[in-house]
C-alpha cells in the first residue's frame, strides 16, 4: 500500500492519477472495493472512535490518500480535535504498514519511506 499525504490542494489527486489510477478507481471519502481511497480524513472526522477499526481494511488498498490535518490552529470544537487526533494516529499506523509513503508539497512529491 502507498500512503499519500499532504495539505489540501497540494496535488495529491493528480499524483495518484499520474500513477495510473483513473477516476473510476478512486473512492472519494467512502470505503468500498475500489483500489484507491481518497480523503481518508473525511471518514475519520465523521467517526473518530471508529478510526482504529479501519486499519485492516485500509491495508488492502493499493493507495490511501489523506490530508495532513495536524498543523495549524487547534480547533475549539472537541469533535474536530478528536477527529484530527484519530486521523493522525491512523496515518501513523498506516505509515508503518505502507511499502511507500509520499508527502506532497506544492505538487512536488517527496518519498519519505520506501
PDB file of N, CA and C in Angstrom:
ATOM      1  N   UNK A   1       0.837  -1.170   0.000  1.00  0.00           N
ATOM      2  CA  UNK A   1       0.000   0.000   0.000  1.00  0.00           C
ATOM      3  C   UNK A   1       0.888   1.242   0.000  1.00  0.00           C
ATOM      4  N   UNK A   2       0.453   2.234  -0.755  1.00  0.00           N
ATOM      5  CA  UNK A   2       1.138   3.520  -0.796  1.00  0.00           C
ATOM      6  C   UNK A   2       0.281   4.518  -0.033  1.00  0.00           C
ATOM      7  N   UNK A   3       0.884   5.220   0.917  1.00  0.00           N
ATOM      8  CA  UNK A   3       0.198   6.278   1.659  1.00  0.00           C
ATOM      9  C   UNK A   3       0.661   7.607   1.089  1.00  0.00           C
ATOM     10  N   UNK A   4      -0.299   8.423   0.651  1.00  0.00           N
ATOM     11  CA  UNK A   4      -0.004   9.736   0.086  1.00  0.00           C
ATOM     12  C   UNK A   4      -0.615  10.772   1.020  1.00  0.00           C
ATOM     13  N   UNK A   5       0.233  11.668   1.535  1.00  0.00           N
ATOM     14  CA  UNK A   5      -0.232  12.705   2.453  1.00  0.00           C
ATOM     15  C   UNK A   5       0.193  14.069   1.936  1.00  0.00           C
ATOM     16  N   UNK A   6      -0.467  15.089   2.437  1.00  0.00           N
ATOM     17  CA  UNK A   6      -0.129  16.453   2.066  1.00  0.00           C
ATOM     18  C   UNK A   6      -1.267  17.376   2.416  1.00  0.00           C
ATOM     19  N   UNK A   7      -1.023  18.654   2.342  1.00  0.00           N
ATOM     20  CA  UNK A   7      -2.052  19.649   2.636  1.00  0.00           C
ATOM     21  C   UNK A   7      -3.163  19.584   1.599  1.00  0.00           C
ATOM     22  N   UNK A   8      -4.299  20.146   1.936  1.00  0.00           N
ATOM     23  CA  UNK A   8      -5.406  20.212   0.985  1.00  0.00           C
ATOM     24  C   UNK A   8      -4.940  20.952  -0.270  1.00  0.00           C
ATOM     25  N   UNK A   9      -5.318  20.477  -1.419  1.00  0.00           N
ATOM     26  CA  UNK A   9      -4.978  21.084  -2.713  1.00  0.00           C
ATOM     27  C   UNK A   9      -3.478  21.121  -2.972  1.00  0.00           C
ATOM     28  N   UNK A  10      -2.752  20.099  -2.489  1.00  0.00           N
ATOM     29  CA  UNK A  10      -1.302  20.056  -2.716  1.00  0.00           C
ATOM     30  C   UNK A  10      -0.914  19.203  -3.907  1.00  0.00           C
ATOM     31  N   UNK A  11      -1.896  18.656  -4.618  1.00  0.00           N
ATOM     32  CA  UNK A  11      -1.599  17.858  -5.808  1.00  0.00           C
ATOM     33  C   UNK A  11      -1.667  16.364  -5.586  1.00  0.00           C
ATOM     34  N   UNK A  12      -2.290  15.939  -4.495  1.00  0.00           N
ATOM     35  CA  UNK A  12      -2.340  14.510  -4.173  1.00  0.00           C
ATOM     36  C   UNK A  12      -3.125  13.727  -5.221  1.00  0.00           C
ATOM     37  N   UNK A  13      -4.271  14.230  -5.628  1.00  0.00           N
ATOM     38  CA  UNK A  13      -5.092  13.516  -6.607  1.00  0.00           C
ATOM     39  C   UNK A  13      -4.361  13.415  -7.950  1.00  0.00           C
ATOM     40  N   UNK A  14      -3.752  14.489  -8.394  1.00  0.00           N
ATOM     41  CA  UNK A  14      -3.001  14.470  -9.657  1.00  0.00           C
ATOM     42  C   UNK A  14      -1.851  13.473  -9.579  1.00  0.00           C
ATOM     43  N   UNK A  15      -1.219  13.382  -8.416  1.00  0.00           N
ATOM     44  CA  UNK A  15      -0.126  12.422  -8.235  1.00  0.00           C
ATOM     45  C   UNK A  15      -0.642  10.995  -8.372  1.00  0.00           C
ATOM     46  N   UNK A  16      -1.754  10.705  -7.732  1.00  0.00           N
ATOM     47  CA  UNK A  16      -2.333   9.361  -7.807  1.00  0.00           C
ATOM     48  C   UNK A  16      -2.749   9.034  -9.243  1.00  0.00           C
ATOM     49  N   UNK A  17      -3.324   9.989  -9.932  1.00  0.00           N
ATOM     50  CA  UNK A  17      -3.706   9.759 -11.325  1.00  0.00           C
ATOM     51  C   UNK A  17      -2.475   9.546 -12.206  1.00  0.00           C
ATOM     52  N   UNK A  18      -1.368  10.206 -11.893  1.00  0.00           N
ATOM     53  CA  UNK A  18      -0.122  10.006 -12.635  1.00  0.00           C
ATOM     54  C   UNK A  18       0.449   8.603 -12.403  1.00  0.00           C
ATOM     55  N   UNK A  19       0.070   7.976 -11.282  1.00  0.00           N
ATOM     56  CA  UNK A  19       0.484   6.597 -11.032  1.00  0.00           C
ATOM     57  C   UNK A  19      -0.300   5.603 -11.885  1.00  0.00           C
ATOM     58  N   UNK A  20      -1.336   6.095 -12.578  1.00  0.00           N
ATOM     59  CA  UNK A  20      -2.113   5.238 -13.468  1.00  0.00           C
ATOM     60  C   UNK A  20      -3.513   4.916 -12.995  1.00  0.00           C
ATOM     61  N   UNK A  21      -3.965   5.565 -11.946  1.00  0.00           N
ATOM     62  CA  UNK A  21      -5.314   5.333 -11.424  1.00  0.00           C
ATOM     63  C   UNK A  21      -6.268   6.366 -12.005  1.00  0.00           C
ATOM     64  N   UNK A  22      -7.326   5.889 -12.648  1.00  0.00           N
ATOM     65  CA  UNK A  22      -8.321   6.785 -13.218  1.00  0.00           C
ATOM     66  C   UNK A  22      -9.404   7.115 -12.219  1.00  0.00           C
ATOM     67  N   UNK A  23     -10.253   8.079 -12.556  1.00  0.00           N
ATOM     68  CA  UNK A  23     -11.325   8.495 -11.635  1.00  0.00           C
ATOM     69  C   UNK A  23     -12.231   7.344 -11.191  1.00  0.00           C
ATOM     70  N   UNK A  24     -12.423   6.368 -12.034  1.00  0.00           N
ATOM     71  CA  UNK A  24     -13.306   5.249 -11.697  1.00  0.00           C
ATOM     72  C   UNK A  24     -12.694   4.316 -10.649  1.00  0.00           C
ATOM     73  N   UNK A  25     -11.404   4.425 -10.405  1.00  0.00           N
ATOM     74  CA  UNK A  25     -10.734   3.565  -9.419  1.00  0.00           C
ATOM     75  C   UNK A  25     -10.511   4.268  -8.077  1.00  0.00           C
ATOM     76  N   UNK A  26     -10.951   5.533  -7.984  1.00  0.00           N
ATOM     77  CA  UNK A  26     -10.705   6.334  -6.785  1.00  0.00           C
ATOM     78  C   UNK A  26     -12.016   6.544  -6.024  1.00  0.00           C
ATOM     79  N   UNK A  27     -12.075   6.034  -4.793  1.00  0.00           N
ATOM     80  CA  UNK A  27     -13.234   6.239  -3.916  1.00  0.00           C
ATOM     81  C   UNK A  27     -12.987   7.501  -3.101  1.00  0.00           C
ATOM     82  N   UNK A  28     -13.871   8.458  -3.206  1.00  0.00           N
ATOM     83  CA  UNK A  28     -13.691   9.750  -2.537  1.00  0.00           C
ATOM     84  C   UNK A  28     -14.455   9.787  -1.217  1.00  0.00           C
ATOM     85  N   UNK A  29     -13.745   9.518  -0.121  1.00  0.00           N
ATOM     86  CA  UNK A  29     -14.334   9.614   1.205  1.00  0.00           C
ATOM     87  C   UNK A  29     -15.260   8.479   1.586  1.00  0.00           C
ATOM     88  N   UNK A  30     -15.216   7.389   0.834  1.00  0.00           N
ATOM     89  CA  UNK A  30     -16.013   6.199   1.161  1.00  0.00           C
ATOM     90  C   UNK A  30     -15.131   4.973   1.071  1.00  0.00           C
ATOM     91  N   UNK A  31     -15.380   4.028   1.937  1.00  0.00           N
ATOM     92  CA  UNK A  31     -14.603   2.794   1.950  1.00  0.00           C
ATOM     93  C   UNK A  31     -15.383   1.739   1.172  1.00  0.00           C
ATOM     94  N   UNK A  32     -14.899   1.423  -0.025  1.00  0.00           N
ATOM     95  CA  UNK A  32     -15.546   0.395  -0.843  1.00  0.00           C
ATOM     96  C   UNK A  32     -14.467  -0.477  -1.476  1.00  0.00           C
ATOM     97  N   UNK A  33     -14.799  -1.173  -2.555  1.00  0.00           N
ATOM     98  CA  UNK A  33     -13.848  -2.126  -3.129  1.00  0.00           C
ATOM     99  C   UNK A  33     -12.888  -1.514  -4.151  1.00  0.00           C
ATOM    100  N   UNK A  34     -12.951  -0.231  -4.409  1.00  0.00           N
ATOM    101  CA  UNK A  34     -12.011   0.398  -5.339  1.00  0.00           C
ATOM    102  C   UNK A  34     -10.610   0.417  -4.724  1.00  0.00           C
ATOM    103  N   UNK A  35      -9.570   0.349  -5.557  1.00  0.00           N
ATOM    104  CA  UNK A  35      -8.206   0.212  -5.037  1.00  0.00           C
ATOM    105  C   UNK A  35      -7.627   1.464  -4.375  1.00  0.00           C
ATOM    106  N   UNK A  36      -8.221   2.624  -4.619  1.00  0.00           N
ATOM    107  CA  UNK A  36      -7.692   3.875  -4.064  1.00  0.00           C
ATOM    108  C   UNK A  36      -8.744   4.514  -3.170  1.00  0.00           C
ATOM    109  N   UNK A  37      -8.330   4.892  -1.962  1.00  0.00           N
ATOM    110  CA  UNK A  37      -9.192   5.663  -1.070  1.00  0.00           C
ATOM    111  C   UNK A  37      -8.632   7.073  -0.990  1.00  0.00           C
ATOM    112  N   UNK A  38      -9.434   8.040  -1.378  1.00  0.00           N
ATOM    113  CA  UNK A  38      -9.067   9.448  -1.358  1.00  0.00           C
ATOM    114  C   UNK A  38      -9.864  10.135  -0.252  1.00  0.00           C
ATOM    115  N   UNK A  39      -9.260  11.061   0.457  1.00  0.00           N
ATOM    116  CA  UNK A  39      -9.895  11.811   1.540  1.00  0.00           C
ATOM    117  C   UNK A  39     -10.207  10.934   2.751  1.00  0.00           C
ATOM    118  N   UNK A  40      -9.226  10.181   3.200  1.00  0.00           N
ATOM    119  CA  UNK A  40      -9.378   9.381   4.409  1.00  0.00           C
ATOM    120  C   UNK A  40      -9.831  10.240   5.585  1.00  0.00           C
ATOM    121  N   UNK A  41      -9.348  11.459   5.675  1.00  0.00           N
ATOM    122  CA  UNK A  41      -9.690  12.330   6.799  1.00  0.00           C
ATOM    123  C   UNK A  41     -11.192  12.565   6.903  1.00  0.00           C
ATOM    124  N   UNK A  42     -11.926  12.515   5.810  1.00  0.00           N
ATOM    125  CA  UNK A  42     -13.374  12.700   5.866  1.00  0.00           C
ATOM    126  C   UNK A  42     -14.041  11.558   6.638  1.00  0.00           C
ATOM    127  N   UNK A  43     -13.531  10.352   6.466  1.00  0.00           N
ATOM    128  CA  UNK A  43     -14.086   9.188   7.160  1.00  0.00           C
ATOM    129  C   UNK A  43     -13.757   9.257   8.643  1.00  0.00           C
ATOM    130  N   UNK A  44     -12.510   9.565   8.969  1.00  0.00           N
ATOM    131  CA  UNK A  44     -12.119   9.583  10.380  1.00  0.00           C
ATOM    132  C   UNK A  44     -12.716  10.764  11.128  1.00  0.00           C
ATOM    133  N   UNK A  45     -12.891  11.881  10.470  1.00  0.00           N
ATOM    134  CA  UNK A  45     -13.508  13.042  11.127  1.00  0.00           C
ATOM    135  C   UNK A  45     -14.981  12.767  11.437  1.00  0.00           C
ATOM    136  N   UNK A  46     -15.646  11.995  10.596  1.00  0.00           N
ATOM    137  CA  UNK A  46     -17.058  11.675  10.818  1.00  0.00           C
ATOM    138  C   UNK A  46     -17.252  10.724  11.991  1.00  0.00           C
ATOM    139  N   UNK A  47     -16.262   9.843  12.236  1.00  0.00           N
ATOM    140  CA  UNK A  47     -16.370   8.863  13.326  1.00  0.00           C
ATOM    141  C   UNK A  47     -14.985   8.604  13.927  1.00  0.00           C
ATOM    142  N   UNK A  48     -14.492   9.531  14.751  1.00  0.00           N
ATOM    143  CA  UNK A  48     -13.145   9.367  15.317  1.00  0.00           C
ATOM    144  C   UNK A  48     -12.970   8.082  16.123  1.00  0.00           C
ATOM    145  N   UNK A  49     -13.988   7.668  16.837  1.00  0.00           N
ATOM    146  CA  UNK A  49     -13.876   6.457  17.655  1.00  0.00           C
ATOM    147  C   UNK A  49     -13.750   5.200  16.803  1.00  0.00           C
ATOM    148  N   UNK A  50     -14.291   5.227  15.604  1.00  0.00           N
ATOM    149  CA  UNK A  50     -14.231   4.070  14.715  1.00  0.00           C
ATOM    150  C   UNK A  50     -12.969   4.010  13.868  1.00  0.00           C
ATOM    151  N   UNK A  51     -12.129   5.022  13.947  1.00  0.00           N
ATOM    152  CA  UNK A  51     -10.931   5.090  13.099  1.00  0.00           C
ATOM    153  C   UNK A  51      -9.989   3.898  13.273  1.00  0.00           C
ATOM    154  N   UNK A  52      -9.701   3.436  14.490  1.00  0.00           N
ATOM    155  CA  UNK A  52      -8.780   2.300  14.624  1.00  0.00           C
ATOM    156  C   UNK A  52      -9.259   1.040  13.905  1.00  0.00           C
ATOM    157  N   UNK A  53     -10.558   0.861  13.813  1.00  0.00           N
ATOM    158  CA  UNK A  53     -11.106  -0.325  13.152  1.00  0.00           C
ATOM    159  C   UNK A  53     -10.903  -0.301  11.636  1.00  0.00           C
ATOM    160  N   UNK A  54     -10.552   0.840  11.082  1.00  0.00           N
ATOM    161  CA  UNK A  54     -10.348   0.963   9.635  1.00  0.00           C
ATOM    162  C   UNK A  54      -9.018   0.379   9.165  1.00  0.00           C
ATOM    163  N   UNK A  55      -8.080   0.212  10.075  1.00  0.00           N
ATOM    164  CA  UNK A  55      -6.716  -0.163   9.700  1.00  0.00           C
ATOM    165  C   UNK A  55      -6.665  -1.413   8.828  1.00  0.00           C
ATOM    166  N   UNK A  56      -7.317  -2.470   9.227  1.00  0.00           N
ATOM    167  CA  UNK A  56      -7.249  -3.730   8.468  1.00  0.00           C
ATOM    168  C   UNK A  56      -7.786  -3.561   7.052  1.00  0.00           C
ATOM    169  N   UNK A  57      -8.887  -2.852   6.891  1.00  0.00           N
ATOM    170  CA  UNK A  57      -9.454  -2.630   5.560  1.00  0.00           C
ATOM    171  C   UNK A  57      -8.540  -1.770   4.704  1.00  0.00           C
ATOM    172  N   UNK A  58      -7.895  -0.790   5.323  1.00  0.00           N
ATOM    173  CA  UNK A  58      -7.030   0.118   4.567  1.00  0.00           C
ATOM    174  C   UNK A  58      -5.742  -0.553   4.109  1.00  0.00           C
ATOM    175  N   UNK A  59      -5.276  -1.540   4.848  1.00  0.00           N
ATOM    176  CA  UNK A  59      -4.049  -2.233   4.452  1.00  0.00           C
ATOM    177  C   UNK A  59      -4.222  -2.970   3.130  1.00  0.00           C
ATOM    178  N   UNK A  60      -5.462  -3.287   2.757  1.00  0.00           N
ATOM    179  CA  UNK A  60      -5.738  -3.986   1.498  1.00  0.00           C
ATOM    180  C   UNK A  60      -5.817  -3.047   0.305  1.00  0.00           C
ATOM    181  N   UNK A  61      -5.860  -1.749   0.550  1.00  0.00           N
ATOM    182  CA  UNK A  61      -5.920  -0.769  -0.543  1.00  0.00           C
ATOM    183  C   UNK A  61      -4.566  -0.666  -1.230  1.00  0.00           C
ATOM    184  N   UNK A  62      -4.575  -0.294  -2.498  1.00  0.00           N
ATOM    185  CA  UNK A  62      -3.320  -0.054  -3.213  1.00  0.00           C
ATOM    186  C   UNK A  62      -2.763   1.324  -2.858  1.00  0.00           C
ATOM    187  N   UNK A  63      -3.655   2.312  -2.706  1.00  0.00           N
ATOM    188  CA  UNK A  63      -3.244   3.679  -2.374  1.00  0.00           C
ATOM    189  C   UNK A  63      -4.255   4.269  -1.394  1.00  0.00           C
ATOM    190  N   UNK A  64      -3.756   4.934  -0.356  1.00  0.00           N
ATOM    191  CA  UNK A  64      -4.602   5.674   0.587  1.00  0.00           C
ATOM    192  C   UNK A  64      -4.096   7.110   0.590  1.00  0.00           C
ATOM    193  N   UNK A  65      -5.028   8.051   0.423  1.00  0.00           N
ATOM    194  CA  UNK A  65      -4.678   9.468   0.335  1.00  0.00           C
ATOM    195  C   UNK A  65      -5.361  10.206   1.482  1.00  0.00           C
ATOM    196  N   UNK A  66      -4.575  11.029   2.197  1.00  0.00           N
ATOM    197  CA  UNK A  66      -5.121  11.745   3.352  1.00  0.00           C
ATOM    198  C   UNK A  66      -4.529  13.146   3.434  1.00  0.00           C
ATOM    199  N   UNK A  67      -5.383  14.103   3.768  1.00  0.00           N
ATOM    200  CA  UNK A  67      -4.900  15.454   4.055  1.00  0.00           C
ATOM    201  C   UNK A  67      -4.146  15.444   5.372  1.00  0.00           C
ATOM    202  N   UNK A  68      -3.109  16.257   5.461  1.00  0.00           N
ATOM    203  CA  UNK A  68      -2.439  16.474   6.740  1.00  0.00           C
ATOM    204  C   UNK A  68      -3.347  17.391   7.548  1.00  0.00           C
ATOM    205  N   UNK A  69      -3.772  16.920   8.695  1.00  0.00           N
ATOM    206  CA  UNK A  69      -4.727  17.687   9.490  1.00  0.00           C
ATOM    207  C   UNK A  69      -4.156  18.157  10.822  1.00  0.00           C
ATOM    208  N   UNK A  70      -2.918  17.832  11.118  1.00  0.00           N
ATOM    209  CA  UNK A  70      -2.356  18.136  12.424  1.00  0.00           C
ATOM    210  C   UNK A  70      -1.650  19.463  12.540  1.00  0.00           C
ATOM    211  N   UNK A  71      -1.588  20.227  11.470  1.00  0.00           N
ATOM    212  CA  UNK A  71      -0.898  21.515  11.521  1.00  0.00           C
ATOM    213  C   UNK A  71      -1.898  22.648  11.689  1.00  0.00           C
ATOM    214  N   UNK A  72      -1.394  23.788  12.015  1.00  0.00           N
ATOM    215  CA  UNK A  72      -2.243  24.970  12.087  1.00  0.00           C
ATOM    216  C   UNK A  72      -2.880  25.149  13.442  1.00  0.00           C
ATOM    217  N   UNK A  73      -3.899  25.964  13.461  1.00  0.00           N
ATOM    218  CA  UNK A  73      -4.597  26.320  14.685  1.00  0.00           C
ATOM    219  C   UNK A  73      -5.414  25.128  15.179  1.00  0.00           C
ATOM    220  N   UNK A  74      -5.322  24.857  16.467  1.00  0.00           N
ATOM    221  CA  UNK A  74      -6.091  23.762  17.059  1.00  0.00           C
ATOM    222  C   UNK A  74      -7.549  24.213  17.164  1.00  0.00           C
ATOM    223  N   UNK A  75      -8.473  23.390  16.645  1.00  0.00           N
ATOM    224  CA  UNK A  75      -9.888  23.789  16.680  1.00  0.00           C
ATOM    225  C   UNK A  75     -10.441  23.864  18.101  1.00  0.00           C
ATOM    226  N   UNK A  76     -11.398  24.748  18.303  1.00  0.00           N
ATOM    227  CA  UNK A  76     -12.053  24.867  19.597  1.00  0.00           C
ATOM    228  C   UNK A  76     -13.031  23.720  19.836  1.00  0.00           C
ATOM    229  N   UNK A  77     -13.655  23.232  18.768  1.00  0.00           N
ATOM    230  CA  UNK A  77     -14.657  22.184  18.899  1.00  0.00           C
ATOM    231  C   UNK A  77     -13.994  20.855  19.240  1.00  0.00           C
ATOM    232  N   UNK A  78     -14.472  20.222  20.297  1.00  0.00           N
ATOM    233  CA  UNK A  78     -13.901  18.956  20.747  1.00  0.00           C
ATOM    234  C   UNK A  78     -13.974  17.889  19.664  1.00  0.00           C
ATOM    235  N   UNK A  79     -15.077  17.818  18.942  1.00  0.00           N
ATOM    236  CA  UNK A  79     -15.244  16.799  17.900  1.00  0.00           C
ATOM    237  C   UNK A  79     -14.169  16.930  16.820  1.00  0.00           C
ATOM    238  N   UNK A  80     -13.848  18.149  16.429  1.00  0.00           N
ATOM    239  CA  UNK A  80     -12.812  18.357  15.404  1.00  0.00           C
ATOM    240  C   UNK A  80     -11.425  17.991  15.935  1.00  0.00           C
ATOM    241  N   UNK A  81     -11.167  18.302  17.214  1.00  0.00           N
ATOM    242  CA  UNK A  81      -9.883  17.924  17.817  1.00  0.00           C
ATOM    243  C   UNK A  81      -9.742  16.410  17.861  1.00  0.00           C
ATOM    244  N   UNK A  82     -10.806  15.726  18.257  1.00  0.00           N
ATOM    245  CA  UNK A  82     -10.774  14.259  18.308  1.00  0.00           C
ATOM    246  C   UNK A  82     -10.598  13.670  16.910  1.00  0.00           C
ATOM    247  N   UNK A  83     -11.241  14.280  15.921  1.00  0.00           N
ATOM    248  CA  UNK A  83     -11.103  13.816  14.544  1.00  0.00           C
ATOM    249  C   UNK A  83      -9.680  13.979  14.024  1.00  0.00           C
ATOM    250  N   UNK A  84      -9.076  15.105  14.336  1.00  0.00           N
ATOM    251  CA  UNK A  84      -7.676  15.327  13.926  1.00  0.00           C
ATOM    252  C   UNK A  84      -6.749  14.320  14.584  1.00  0.00           C
ATOM    253  N   UNK A  85      -6.967  14.065  15.874  1.00  0.00           N
ATOM    254  CA  UNK A  85      -6.119  13.110  16.579  1.00  0.00           C
ATOM    255  C   UNK A  85      -6.289  11.706  16.016  1.00  0.00           C
ATOM    256  N   UNK A  86      -7.532  11.309  15.765  1.00  0.00           N
ATOM    257  CA  UNK A  86      -7.797   9.982  15.213  1.00  0.00           C
ATOM    258  C   UNK A  86      -7.172   9.823  13.827  1.00  0.00           C
ATOM    259  N   UNK A  87      -7.254  10.870  13.020  1.00  0.00           N
ATOM    260  CA  UNK A  87      -6.658  10.834  11.687  1.00  0.00           C
ATOM    261  C   UNK A  87      -5.143  10.691  11.776  1.00  0.00           C
ATOM    262  N   UNK A  88      -4.529  11.466  12.646  1.00  0.00           N
ATOM    263  CA  UNK A  88      -3.075  11.405  12.810  1.00  0.00           C
ATOM    264  C   UNK A  88      -2.601  10.046  13.297  1.00  0.00           C
ATOM    265  N   UNK A  89      -3.300   9.502  14.278  1.00  0.00           N
ATOM    266  CA  UNK A  89      -2.909   8.187  14.806  1.00  0.00           C
ATOM    267  C   UNK A  89      -3.061   7.102  13.748  1.00  0.00           C
ATOM    268  N   UNK A  90      -4.152   7.152  12.992  1.00  0.00           N
ATOM    269  CA  UNK A  90      -4.365   6.159  11.939  1.00  0.00           C
ATOM    270  C   UNK A  90      -3.304   6.293  10.849  1.00  0.00           C
ATOM    271  N   UNK A  91      -2.950   7.510  10.491  1.00  0.00           N
ATOM    272  CA  UNK A  91      -1.908   7.712   9.475  1.00  0.00           C
ATOM    273  C   UNK A  91      -0.554   7.194   9.957  1.00  0.00           C
ATOM    274  N   UNK A  92      -0.262   7.331  11.241  1.00  0.00           N
ATOM    275  CA  UNK A  92       0.983   6.774  11.794  1.00  0.00           C
ATOM    276  C   UNK A  92       0.999   5.249  11.637  1.00  0.00           C
ATOM    277  N   UNK A  93      -0.124   4.611  11.927  1.00  0.00           N
ATOM    278  CA  UNK A  93      -0.211   3.158  11.776  1.00  0.00           C
ATOM    279  C   UNK A  93      -0.103   2.764  10.303  1.00  0.00           C
ATOM    280  N   UNK A  94      -0.757   3.510   9.435  1.00  0.00           N
ATOM    281  CA  UNK A  94      -0.690   3.220   8.001  1.00  0.00           C
ATOM    282  C   UNK A  94       0.729   3.396   7.476  1.00  0.00           C
ATOM    283  N   UNK A  95       1.424   4.411   7.948  1.00  0.00           N
ATOM    284  CA  UNK A  95       2.798   4.652   7.504  1.00  0.00           C
ATOM    285  C   UNK A  95       3.706   3.487   7.885  1.00  0.00           C
ATOM    286  N   UNK A  96       3.475   2.892   9.046  1.00  0.00           N
ATOM    287  CA  UNK A  96       4.271   1.726   9.454  1.00  0.00           C
ATOM    288  C   UNK A  96       4.008   0.542   8.533  1.00  0.00           C
ATOM    289  N   UNK A  97       2.763   0.377   8.100  1.00  0.00           N
ATOM    290  CA  UNK A  97       2.372  -0.756   7.257  1.00  0.00           C
ATOM    291  C   UNK A  97       2.671  -0.534   5.770  1.00  0.00           C
ATOM    292  N   UNK A  98       2.741   0.705   5.353  1.00  0.00           N
ATOM    293  CA  UNK A  98       2.880   1.037   3.929  1.00  0.00           C
ATOM    294  C   UNK A  98       4.242   0.629   3.383  1.00  0.00           C
ATOM    295  N   UNK A  99       4.244   0.255   2.100  1.00  0.00           N
ATOM    296  CA  UNK A  99       5.509  -0.015   1.423  1.00  0.00           C
ATOM    297  C   UNK A  99       6.170   1.298   1.017  1.00  0.00           C
ATOM    298  N   UNK A 100       5.335   2.323   0.818  1.00  0.00           N
ATOM    299  CA  UNK A 100       5.859   3.630   0.430  1.00  0.00           C
ATOM    300  C   UNK A 100       4.967   4.722   1.030  1.00  0.00           C
ATOM    301  N   UNK A 101       5.595   5.801   1.492  1.00  0.00           N
ATOM    302  CA  UNK A 101       4.873   6.978   1.977  1.00  0.00           C
ATOM    303  C   UNK A 101       5.395   8.171   1.192  1.00  0.00           C
ATOM    304  N   UNK A 102       4.460   8.914   0.597  1.00  0.00           N
ATOM    305  CA  UNK A 102       4.813  10.069  -0.226  1.00  0.00           C
ATOM    306  C   UNK A 102       4.103  11.290   0.349  1.00  0.00           C
ATOM    307  N   UNK A 103       4.863  12.358   0.529  1.00  0.00           N
ATOM    308  CA  UNK A 103       4.301  13.627   1.005  1.00  0.00           C
ATOM    309  C   UNK A 103       4.394  14.632  -0.126  1.00  0.00           C
ATOM    310  N   UNK A 104       3.283  15.289  -0.409  1.00  0.00           N
ATOM    311  CA  UNK A 104       3.255  16.297  -1.469  1.00  0.00           C
ATOM    312  C   UNK A 104       3.199  17.694  -0.888  1.00  0.00           C
ATOM    313  N   UNK A 105       4.034  18.565  -1.418  1.00  0.00           N
ATOM    314  CA  UNK A 105       4.037  19.988  -1.078  1.00  0.00           C
ATOM    315  C   UNK A 105       4.090  20.744  -2.395  1.00  0.00           C
ATOM    316  N   UNK A 106       3.092  21.567  -2.640  1.00  0.00           N
ATOM    317  CA  UNK A 106       3.015  22.364  -3.865  1.00  0.00           C
ATOM    318  C   UNK A 106       3.179  21.499  -5.123  1.00  0.00           C
ATOM    319  N   UNK A 107       2.583  20.314  -5.077  1.00  0.00           N
ATOM    320  CA  UNK A 107       2.602  19.420  -6.222  1.00  0.00           C
ATOM    321  C   UNK A 107       3.886  18.640  -6.387  1.00  0.00           C
ATOM    322  N   UNK A 108       4.831  18.828  -5.489  1.00  0.00           N
ATOM    323  CA  UNK A 108       6.130  18.126  -5.592  1.00  0.00           C
ATOM    324  C   UNK A 108       6.121  16.957  -4.607  1.00  0.00           C
ATOM    325  N   UNK A 109       6.231  15.729  -5.138  1.00  0.00           N
ATOM    326  CA  UNK A 109       6.240  14.568  -4.249  1.00  0.00           C
ATOM    327  C   UNK A 109       7.621  14.322  -3.639  1.00  0.00           C
ATOM    328  N   UNK A 110       7.602  14.004  -2.350  1.00  0.00           N
ATOM    329  CA  UNK A 110       8.822  13.614  -1.646  1.00  0.00           C
ATOM    330  C   UNK A 110       8.542  12.254  -1.021  1.00  0.00           C
ATOM    331  N   UNK A 111       9.343  11.262  -1.413  1.00  0.00           N
ATOM    332  CA  UNK A 111       9.186   9.927  -0.842  1.00  0.00           C
ATOM    333  C   UNK A 111       9.854   9.940   0.534  1.00  0.00           C
ATOM    334  N   UNK A 112       9.070   9.696   1.573  1.00  0.00           N
ATOM    335  CA  UNK A 112       9.635   9.701   2.929  1.00  0.00           C
ATOM    336  C   UNK A 112       9.771   8.282   3.478  1.00  0.00           C
ATOM    337  N   UNK A 113       9.288   7.306   2.731  1.00  0.00           N
ATOM    338  CA  UNK A 113       9.509   5.897   3.073  1.00  0.00           C
ATOM    339  C   UNK A 113       9.418   5.098   1.786  1.00  0.00           C
ATOM    340  N   UNK A 114      10.351   4.153   1.638  1.00  0.00           N
ATOM    341  CA  UNK A 114      10.276   3.220   0.510  1.00  0.00           C
ATOM    342  C   UNK A 114      11.032   3.577  -0.689  1.00  0.00           C
TER     343      UNK A 114
END
